[in-house]
Amino acid sequence: VGVYAWLHQRKQTTNQASSYFLASRDVLFFAVAATLFSSNIGAEHFVGLAGSAAHTGMAVGAYEWTAPILIWIQGYFVSPIYIAANVRTTPEYLELRFNRVVRVYFSAIALLLYIFTV
């Protein structure tokens, strides 16, 4: 299935940000927010946070209770900016707004933070 999808996608040319979103602009806000939340869940949530909660207490979960609300707010306010700017990622937006140095710096910092904090 993955190979078929990849081959099918190679034949299509998609240079606009609106083509990145499968349902164009016809999706309700709640569906987009739920998708953002579900893409935020990873192995660190099932293993790492459970271990942290067992070691330090349930206070570590307070951060995770606020995450869905903040991701929904981000999706509501940031998605229209990305669509209007015709960009798909935060580094791409930073390059458009500032320059390539800022894009590379942000990408490197995000990568290092992900490696050393997860």
Protein backbone atom coordinates (compact mmCIF):
# COMPACT_ATOMS: atom_id res chain seq x y z
CA VAL A 1 0.00 0.00 0.00
CA GLY A 2 2.82 2.38 0.89
CA VAL A 3 4.69 1.76 -2.37
CA TYR A 4 1.49 2.30 -4.38
CA ALA A 5 0.77 5.56 -2.55
CA TRP A 6 4.34 6.75 -3.09
CA LEU A 7 4.23 5.93 -6.83
CA HIS A 8 0.84 7.60 -7.20
CA GLN A 9 2.07 10.71 -5.37
CA ARG A 10 5.18 10.98 -7.58
CA LYS A 11 3.01 11.37 -10.66
CA GLN A 12 1.15 14.34 -9.21
CA THR A 13 2.69 17.76 -8.94
CA THR A 14 1.62 19.63 -5.83
CA ASN A 15 3.24 22.99 -5.42
CA GLN A 16 0.53 24.73 -3.42
CA ALA A 17 0.00 24.55 0.32
CA SER A 18 -3.70 23.82 -0.17
CA SER A 19 -2.79 20.53 -1.86
CA TYR A 20 -0.99 19.48 1.32
CA PHE A 21 -4.32 19.31 3.16
CA LEU A 22 -6.28 16.32 1.89
CA ALA A 23 -9.72 17.80 2.46
CA SER A 24 -8.88 21.28 1.22
CA ARG A 25 -10.74 23.74 3.44
CA ASP A 26 -13.84 21.65 3.98
CA VAL A 27 -12.79 20.07 7.29
CA LEU A 28 -14.22 21.26 10.58
CA PHE A 29 -11.89 22.79 13.12
CA PHE A 30 -12.42 19.98 15.64
CA ALA A 31 -11.24 17.36 13.15
CA VAL A 32 -8.05 19.30 12.43
CA ALA A 33 -7.42 19.79 16.15
CA ALA A 34 -7.97 16.11 16.88
CA THR A 35 -5.53 15.21 14.13
CA LEU A 36 -2.91 17.56 15.55
CA PHE A 37 -3.39 16.01 18.99
CA SER A 38 -3.16 12.43 17.76
CA SER A 39 0.02 13.18 15.80
CA ASN A 40 1.55 14.52 19.02
CA ILE A 41 1.27 11.14 20.81
CA GLY A 42 4.39 8.97 20.71
CA ALA A 43 6.32 6.31 22.58
CA GLU A 44 7.53 8.80 25.15
CA HIS A 45 3.93 9.29 26.28
CA PHE A 46 3.32 5.61 26.88
CA VAL A 47 6.69 4.70 28.37
CA GLY A 48 8.47 7.84 29.50
CA LEU A 49 5.61 9.67 31.15
CA ALA A 50 4.38 6.53 32.90
CA GLY A 51 7.86 6.05 34.37
CA SER A 52 8.09 9.70 35.37
CA ALA A 53 4.66 9.56 37.01
CA ALA A 54 5.61 6.41 38.93
CA HIS A 55 8.82 8.05 40.12
CA THR A 56 7.74 11.63 40.89
CA GLY A 57 3.94 11.49 41.11
CA MET A 58 0.99 12.42 38.98
CA ALA A 59 1.99 16.09 38.71
CA VAL A 60 3.87 15.21 35.52
CA GLY A 61 0.48 14.59 33.90
CA ALA A 62 -0.62 18.22 34.39
CA TYR A 63 1.49 19.17 31.38
CA GLU A 64 -0.27 16.56 29.26
CA TRP A 65 -3.73 17.76 30.29
CA THR A 66 -3.00 21.22 28.91
CA ALA A 67 -1.41 19.94 25.69
CA PRO A 68 -4.67 19.27 23.76
CA ILE A 69 -6.01 22.73 24.52
CA LEU A 70 -2.80 24.43 23.42
CA ILE A 71 -2.54 22.32 20.26
CA TRP A 72 -6.15 23.19 19.34
CA ILE A 73 -5.41 26.89 19.86
CA GLN A 74 -2.26 26.58 17.76
CA GLY A 75 -4.18 24.83 14.98
CA TYR A 76 -6.88 27.49 15.04
CA PHE A 77 -4.52 30.46 14.83
CA VAL A 78 -1.44 29.14 12.99
CA SER A 79 -3.04 27.06 10.22
CA PRO A 80 -4.61 30.08 8.46
CA ILE A 81 -1.24 31.84 8.51
CA TYR A 82 0.49 28.84 6.93
CA ILE A 83 -2.19 28.50 4.26
CA ALA A 84 -2.07 32.21 3.42
CA ALA A 85 1.74 32.13 3.20
CA ASN A 86 1.64 28.95 1.08
CA VAL A 87 4.00 27.07 3.41
CA ARG A 88 3.80 23.63 5.03
CA THR A 89 6.27 23.63 7.94
CA THR A 90 7.50 26.03 10.61
CA PRO A 91 11.08 26.14 9.26
CA GLU A 92 9.70 26.93 5.81
CA TYR A 93 7.66 29.79 7.28
CA LEU A 94 10.68 31.11 9.17
CA GLU A 95 12.70 31.18 5.96
CA LEU A 96 9.94 33.10 4.23
CA ARG A 97 9.55 35.53 7.12
CA PHE A 98 13.26 36.02 7.89
CA ASN A 99 15.99 34.16 5.97
CA ARG A 100 17.58 30.74 5.43
CA VAL A 101 19.94 31.11 8.40
CA VAL A 102 16.98 31.34 10.78
CA ARG A 103 15.41 28.28 9.17
CA VAL A 104 18.54 26.16 9.56
CA TYR A 105 19.13 27.41 13.12
CA PHE A 106 15.55 26.59 14.17
CA SER A 107 15.75 23.14 12.56
CA ALA A 108 19.04 22.34 14.31
CA ILE A 109 17.79 23.54 17.70
CA ALA A 110 14.52 21.58 17.32
CA LEU A 111 16.42 18.46 16.37
CA LEU A 112 18.83 18.75 19.30
CA LEU A 113 16.00 19.42 21.75
CA TYR A 114 14.10 16.39 20.51
CA ILE A 115 17.16 14.16 20.80
CA PHE A 116 18.16 15.27 24.30
CA THR A 117 14.73 15.71 25.90
CA VAL A 118 12.91 12.58 24.75
